[in-house]
Amino acid sequence: MKDIRSQFEKNGFVVLEDFFQPEEIDELKSCGEEFTTNLPPENERKVFSTIELQQSKDKYFLDSGNKISVFFEAEALDDNGKLKVHPRVSLNKVGHALHWLHPTFKKYTFDERVKEAAFQLDYQEPAICQSMYIYKNPGIGSEVIMHQDATYLYTEPVKLVGFWIALEDATQENGCLWIAPGSHKSGVHRRYVRNKDSESKELLVYDRAAPCYQLSNFRPVPVSKGTCILLHGQVVHFSHPNKNDKSRHAYTFHVIETQHTSYSKENWLQPPPGGFPKLYRN
């Protein structure tokens, strides 16, 4: 892991194979599958989509930062919240405080290997701000649009890294990440912020339109189960919908620097009363 910083600074991402062992990955995955056996009642079921931002109008999304909240795939529910698919393949993701509120996810998020990676990337006092279990289910796992993580989790200066851990093999067929190498060097292209207009039903808004990115600048990054991809907060990435018959489960969380860095009060996600949990101290 010693030479990851130069590669990270050059490309905006690093692939770390065998970051976790197969039995550790299986433990995480079984916890993710457990969420599908205890779904919320029909009238409380919320859809997550990066294309249609109806969660902007939705306090459930805003309040999910310090909870374990369940989000469904758009194609999984009818208009009344009834399931159209098997519960096992109905969820888009679960987030955003798994790293703190769920003992298994907490154990692996604050693992020594995670601390070592953050240390190698020169994080002085890193904190975990959010975490998600992403299902990318077969047939209905939705597209994730081209974006930078710093759009949503902005700090000044920008010092943010995503840990994206494959709990199953991620292939081009089942919706692996596509990343634009070097795109982290072009600043933060837009921000997703709390709406200052108190009359508006939109609780969260983008501060400008999405840039047009050239698909030719991206390359697929298929990885095997147990791999961790480190993503710079400004590197542009996306994933295609999963039209395959295999799921593509992943566990992902984000680390920010807290030393000499300010976390934006405009971000959708705000720290809990005691602040975001520090990586090196837990």
Protein backbone atom coordinates (compact mmCIF):
# COMPACT_ATOMS: atom_id res chain seq x y z
CA MET A 1 0.00 0.00 0.00
CA LYS A 2 3.07 2.22 0.23
CA ASP A 3 2.96 3.75 -3.26
CA ILE A 4 -0.74 4.53 -3.44
CA ARG A 5 -0.44 8.28 -2.90
CA SER A 6 1.36 9.06 -6.17
CA GLN A 7 -1.04 6.88 -8.15
CA PHE A 8 -4.01 8.47 -6.37
CA GLU A 9 -2.76 11.99 -7.10
CA LYS A 10 -2.07 11.14 -10.74
CA ASN A 11 -5.27 9.26 -11.64
CA GLY A 12 -7.76 10.22 -8.93
CA PHE A 13 -8.32 6.61 -7.92
CA VAL A 14 -6.46 3.49 -6.79
CA VAL A 15 -7.50 -0.17 -7.00
CA LEU A 16 -6.49 -2.26 -3.97
CA GLU A 17 -7.09 -5.95 -4.65
CA ASP A 18 -7.81 -8.38 -1.78
CA PHE A 19 -8.38 -5.48 0.61
CA PHE A 20 -10.67 -7.72 2.66
CA GLN A 21 -10.65 -11.52 2.80
CA PRO A 22 -13.49 -13.62 1.29
CA GLU A 23 -14.92 -14.58 4.69
CA GLU A 24 -14.91 -10.91 5.78
CA ILE A 25 -16.71 -9.90 2.60
CA ASP A 26 -19.27 -12.66 3.13
CA GLU A 27 -19.95 -11.31 6.63
CA LEU A 28 -20.65 -7.84 5.24
CA LYS A 29 -22.81 -9.24 2.45
CA SER A 30 -24.93 -11.35 4.80
CA CYS A 31 -25.64 -8.19 6.83
CA GLY A 32 -26.68 -6.40 3.64
CA GLU A 33 -29.00 -9.24 2.71
CA GLU A 34 -30.50 -9.19 6.20
CA PHE A 35 -31.93 -5.71 5.55
CA THR A 36 -34.11 -7.15 2.77
CA THR A 37 -35.86 -9.48 5.23
CA ASN A 38 -37.17 -6.64 7.40
CA LEU A 39 -38.57 -4.03 5.02
CA PRO A 40 -40.48 -0.92 6.16
CA PRO A 41 -44.29 -0.83 5.77
CA GLU A 42 -45.71 0.13 2.36
CA ASN A 43 -46.59 3.71 3.32
CA GLU A 44 -43.00 4.39 4.45
CA ARG A 45 -41.16 3.03 1.41
CA LYS A 46 -38.92 5.56 -0.33
CA VAL A 47 -37.29 5.28 -3.76
CA PHE A 48 -33.70 6.38 -4.44
CA SER A 49 -32.72 7.58 -7.90
CA THR A 50 -29.79 9.68 -9.11
CA ILE A 51 -31.73 10.60 -12.25
CA GLU A 52 -35.00 11.89 -10.80
CA LEU A 53 -34.23 13.79 -7.64
CA GLN A 54 -37.50 13.41 -5.83
CA GLN A 55 -35.51 12.83 -2.68
CA SER A 56 -34.82 16.59 -2.83
CA LYS A 57 -38.41 17.07 -1.69
CA ASP A 58 -38.08 14.37 0.86
CA LYS A 59 -37.19 14.91 4.49
CA TYR A 60 -36.62 11.15 4.83
CA PHE A 61 -33.46 11.51 2.74
CA LEU A 62 -32.24 14.57 4.68
CA ASP A 63 -32.80 12.79 7.98
CA SER A 64 -31.01 9.60 6.90
CA GLY A 65 -27.52 10.92 7.67
CA ASN A 66 -27.57 9.77 11.27
CA LYS A 67 -29.73 6.68 10.80
CA ILE A 68 -29.87 3.39 8.95
CA SER A 69 -32.44 4.16 6.25
CA VAL A 70 -33.74 1.92 3.47
CA PHE A 71 -34.17 3.10 -0.15
CA PHE A 72 -35.95 1.08 -2.83
CA GLU A 73 -35.34 0.75 -6.56
CA ALA A 74 -37.87 2.74 -8.62
CA GLU A 75 -38.82 -0.38 -10.57
CA ALA A 76 -39.40 -2.39 -7.38
CA LEU A 77 -42.53 -0.55 -6.17
CA ASP A 78 -45.92 0.28 -7.61
CA ASP A 79 -47.62 3.63 -6.93
CA ASN A 80 -48.95 2.38 -3.60
CA GLY A 81 -45.61 1.14 -2.31
CA LYS A 82 -46.41 -2.51 -3.00
CA LEU A 83 -43.50 -4.68 -4.12
CA LYS A 84 -43.41 -5.72 -7.78
CA VAL A 85 -40.30 -7.87 -7.26
CA HIS A 86 -38.96 -10.29 -4.64
CA PRO A 87 -37.93 -8.45 -1.44
CA ARG A 88 -34.39 -9.79 -1.87
CA VAL A 89 -33.89 -7.68 -5.02
CA SER A 90 -36.04 -4.67 -4.11
CA LEU A 91 -33.53 -2.33 -2.49
CA ASN A 92 -31.32 0.29 -4.14
CA LYS A 93 -29.30 1.04 -1.01
CA VAL A 94 -29.23 1.29 2.76
CA GLY A 95 -27.53 4.30 4.37
CA HIS A 96 -26.10 6.57 5.68
CA ALA A 97 -24.79 5.77 9.20
CA LEU A 98 -24.07 2.05 8.88
CA HIS A 99 -20.46 2.77 9.81
CA TRP A 100 -21.50 3.92 13.29
CA LEU A 101 -24.82 2.27 14.12
CA HIS A 102 -24.30 -1.28 12.80
CA PRO A 103 -21.63 -3.31 14.64
CA THR A 104 -20.41 -5.32 11.63
CA PHE A 105 -20.13 -2.34 9.28
CA LYS A 106 -18.53 -0.34 12.10
CA LYS A 107 -15.93 -3.07 12.64
CA TYR A 108 -14.80 -3.05 9.00
CA THR A 109 -15.07 0.72 8.48
CA PHE A 110 -12.71 1.40 11.39
CA ASP A 111 -10.42 -1.50 10.46
CA GLU A 112 -6.63 -1.03 10.59
CA ARG A 113 -6.42 -1.51 6.80
CA VAL A 114 -8.74 1.45 6.28
CA LYS A 115 -6.68 3.54 8.71
CA GLU A 116 -3.48 2.59 6.89
CA ALA A 117 -4.93 3.61 3.51
CA ALA A 118 -6.02 7.00 4.90
CA PHE A 119 -2.59 7.46 6.48
CA GLN A 120 -0.87 6.69 3.16
CA LEU A 121 -3.05 9.35 1.52
CA ASP A 122 -1.77 11.86 4.11
CA TYR A 123 -4.94 12.24 6.16
CA GLN A 124 -4.05 13.78 9.53
CA GLU A 125 -7.38 13.63 11.39
CA PRO A 126 -9.83 11.81 9.10
CA ALA A 127 -13.49 11.29 9.97
CA ILE A 128 -16.15 9.04 8.44
CA CYS A 129 -19.07 11.15 7.26
CA GLN A 130 -21.36 8.60 5.62
CA SER A 131 -21.73 5.01 4.48
CA MET A 132 -23.97 3.01 2.15
CA TYR A 133 -24.71 -0.57 1.24
CA ILE A 134 -25.44 -0.58 -2.51
CA TYR A 135 -27.26 -3.54 -4.06
CA LYS A 136 -27.23 -2.90 -7.83
CA ASN A 137 -29.71 -5.73 -8.21
CA PRO A 138 -29.99 -7.90 -11.35
CA GLY A 139 -32.30 -6.48 -14.01
CA ILE A 140 -33.40 -3.39 -12.05
CA GLY A 141 -30.19 -2.01 -10.52
CA SER A 142 -30.40 1.58 -11.70
CA GLU A 143 -27.85 3.81 -13.40
CA VAL A 144 -25.71 6.15 -11.29
CA ILE A 145 -25.10 9.35 -13.26
CA MET A 146 -21.66 10.85 -13.93
CA HIS A 147 -20.75 12.75 -10.78
CA GLN A 148 -18.07 13.80 -8.31
CA ASP A 149 -18.53 12.84 -4.66
CA ALA A 150 -17.39 16.34 -3.60
CA THR A 151 -20.58 17.72 -5.21
CA TYR A 152 -22.46 16.20 -2.27
CA LEU A 153 -19.82 16.21 0.50
CA TYR A 154 -17.99 19.49 -0.02
CA THR A 155 -15.10 20.61 2.17
CA GLU A 156 -12.72 23.57 1.93
CA PRO A 157 -10.14 22.73 0.83
CA VAL A 158 -11.50 19.59 -0.83
CA LYS A 159 -10.08 16.56 0.96
CA LEU A 160 -12.46 13.65 0.53
CA VAL A 161 -11.89 10.01 -0.36
CA GLY A 162 -14.45 7.31 -1.05
CA PHE A 163 -13.76 3.69 -0.13
CA TRP A 164 -15.73 1.50 -2.57
CA ILE A 165 -15.56 -2.16 -1.55
CA ALA A 166 -16.76 -4.88 -3.93
CA LEU A 167 -18.77 -7.52 -2.07
CA GLU A 168 -19.23 -9.42 -5.35
CA ASP A 169 -17.31 -9.42 -8.62
CA ALA A 170 -18.09 -6.15 -10.45
CA THR A 171 -18.07 -6.58 -14.24
CA GLN A 172 -19.06 -4.48 -17.24
CA GLU A 173 -22.13 -6.69 -17.52
CA ASN A 174 -23.45 -6.10 -13.99
CA GLY A 175 -22.60 -2.40 -13.65
CA CYS A 176 -18.99 -1.90 -12.53
CA LEU A 177 -17.67 1.62 -11.97
CA TRP A 178 -16.50 3.73 -14.92
CA ILE A 179 -13.93 6.37 -13.98
CA ALA A 180 -12.36 9.29 -15.88
CA PRO A 181 -8.65 9.14 -14.92
CA GLY A 182 -7.21 12.57 -14.08
CA SER A 183 -10.62 14.26 -13.94
CA HIS A 184 -10.02 15.12 -10.27
CA LYS A 185 -7.63 17.88 -11.37
CA SER A 186 -10.39 20.10 -12.77
CA GLY A 187 -12.02 21.31 -9.53
CA VAL A 188 -15.55 20.73 -8.24
CA HIS A 189 -17.93 21.13 -11.17
CA ARG A 190 -21.15 21.73 -9.23
CA ARG A 191 -22.58 21.49 -5.73
CA TYR A 192 -25.68 19.91 -4.25
CA VAL A 193 -26.81 22.19 -1.42
CA ARG A 194 -29.59 22.93 1.03
CA ASN A 195 -32.09 25.26 -0.62
CA LYS A 196 -32.07 28.77 0.87
CA ASP A 197 -35.55 29.43 -0.57
CA SER A 198 -37.82 28.52 2.34
CA GLU A 199 -40.93 28.75 0.10
CA SER A 200 -39.67 26.03 -2.23
CA LYS A 201 -40.70 22.38 -1.96
CA GLU A 202 -37.20 21.46 -3.12
CA LEU A 203 -35.21 20.98 0.07
CA LEU A 204 -31.99 20.34 -1.87
CA VAL A 205 -30.85 21.82 -5.19
CA TYR A 206 -27.88 21.78 -7.54
CA ASP A 207 -26.17 25.16 -7.85
CA ARG A 208 -25.73 24.74 -11.61
CA ALA A 209 -26.57 22.40 -14.48
CA ALA A 210 -24.67 19.16 -14.95
CA PRO A 211 -21.57 19.47 -17.15
CA CYS A 212 -21.40 17.45 -20.36
CA TYR A 213 -18.77 14.76 -19.94
CA GLN A 214 -17.27 12.86 -22.87
CA LEU A 215 -17.84 9.14 -22.51
CA SER A 216 -14.52 8.53 -24.28
CA ASN A 217 -12.71 9.96 -21.21
CA PHE A 218 -14.00 7.15 -18.99
CA ARG A 219 -12.75 3.64 -18.61
CA PRO A 220 -14.44 0.66 -16.99
CA VAL A 221 -12.90 -0.58 -13.75
CA PRO A 222 -14.07 -4.18 -13.30
CA VAL A 223 -12.87 -5.67 -10.01
CA SER A 224 -13.12 -8.92 -8.12
CA LYS A 225 -14.85 -9.49 -4.78
CA GLY A 226 -12.78 -8.11 -1.89
CA THR A 227 -11.25 -5.26 -3.91
CA CYS A 228 -11.36 -1.69 -2.59
CA ILE A 229 -11.35 1.26 -5.00
CA LEU A 230 -10.20 4.54 -3.44
CA LEU A 231 -11.94 7.46 -5.16
CA HIS A 232 -10.73 11.07 -4.95
CA GLY A 233 -13.61 13.40 -4.09
CA GLN A 234 -13.25 15.20 -7.43
CA VAL A 235 -12.78 12.23 -9.78
CA VAL A 236 -15.77 11.84 -12.12
CA HIS A 237 -17.32 8.37 -12.16
CA PHE A 238 -20.59 6.60 -12.95
CA SER A 239 -22.11 3.16 -13.43
CA HIS A 240 -24.49 1.75 -16.03
CA PRO A 241 -27.76 0.09 -15.01
CA ASN A 242 -27.45 -3.60 -14.21
CA LYS A 243 -29.27 -5.49 -16.95
CA ASN A 244 -27.42 -8.69 -16.07
CA ASP A 245 -28.75 -11.63 -14.04
CA LYS A 246 -26.05 -11.16 -11.37
CA SER A 247 -26.17 -8.56 -8.58
CA ARG A 248 -23.26 -6.23 -7.81
CA HIS A 249 -23.32 -5.57 -4.07
CA ALA A 250 -20.85 -3.01 -2.69
CA TYR A 251 -20.16 -1.30 0.61
CA THR A 252 -18.96 2.28 0.34
CA PHE A 253 -18.11 5.02 2.81
CA HIS A 254 -16.55 8.48 2.68
CA VAL A 255 -13.66 9.91 4.66
CA ILE A 256 -13.06 13.65 5.08
CA GLU A 257 -10.10 15.51 6.56
CA THR A 258 -11.02 17.53 9.64
CA GLN A 259 -7.64 19.16 10.33
CA HIS A 260 -7.39 22.66 8.75
CA THR A 261 -10.49 21.81 6.71
CA SER A 262 -14.05 23.11 7.00
CA TYR A 263 -17.09 20.97 6.19
CA SER A 264 -19.75 22.97 4.35
CA LYS A 265 -22.91 23.89 6.27
CA GLU A 266 -24.68 23.83 2.89
CA ASN A 267 -24.13 20.08 2.39
CA TRP A 268 -27.22 17.85 2.57
CA LEU A 269 -25.48 15.73 5.20
CA GLN A 270 -24.64 17.51 8.44
CA PRO A 271 -22.60 16.08 11.32
CA PRO A 272 -24.32 14.61 14.38
CA PRO A 273 -24.10 16.61 17.66
CA GLY A 274 -20.71 15.14 18.61
CA GLY A 275 -19.28 15.56 15.11
CA PHE A 276 -18.40 12.86 12.57
CA PRO A 277 -16.57 9.90 14.18
CA LYS A 278 -12.79 10.13 13.85
CA LEU A 279 -11.18 7.25 11.99
CA TYR A 280 -7.93 6.99 13.95
CA ARG A 281 -9.62 7.30 17.36
CA ASN A 282 -12.21 4.54 17.00
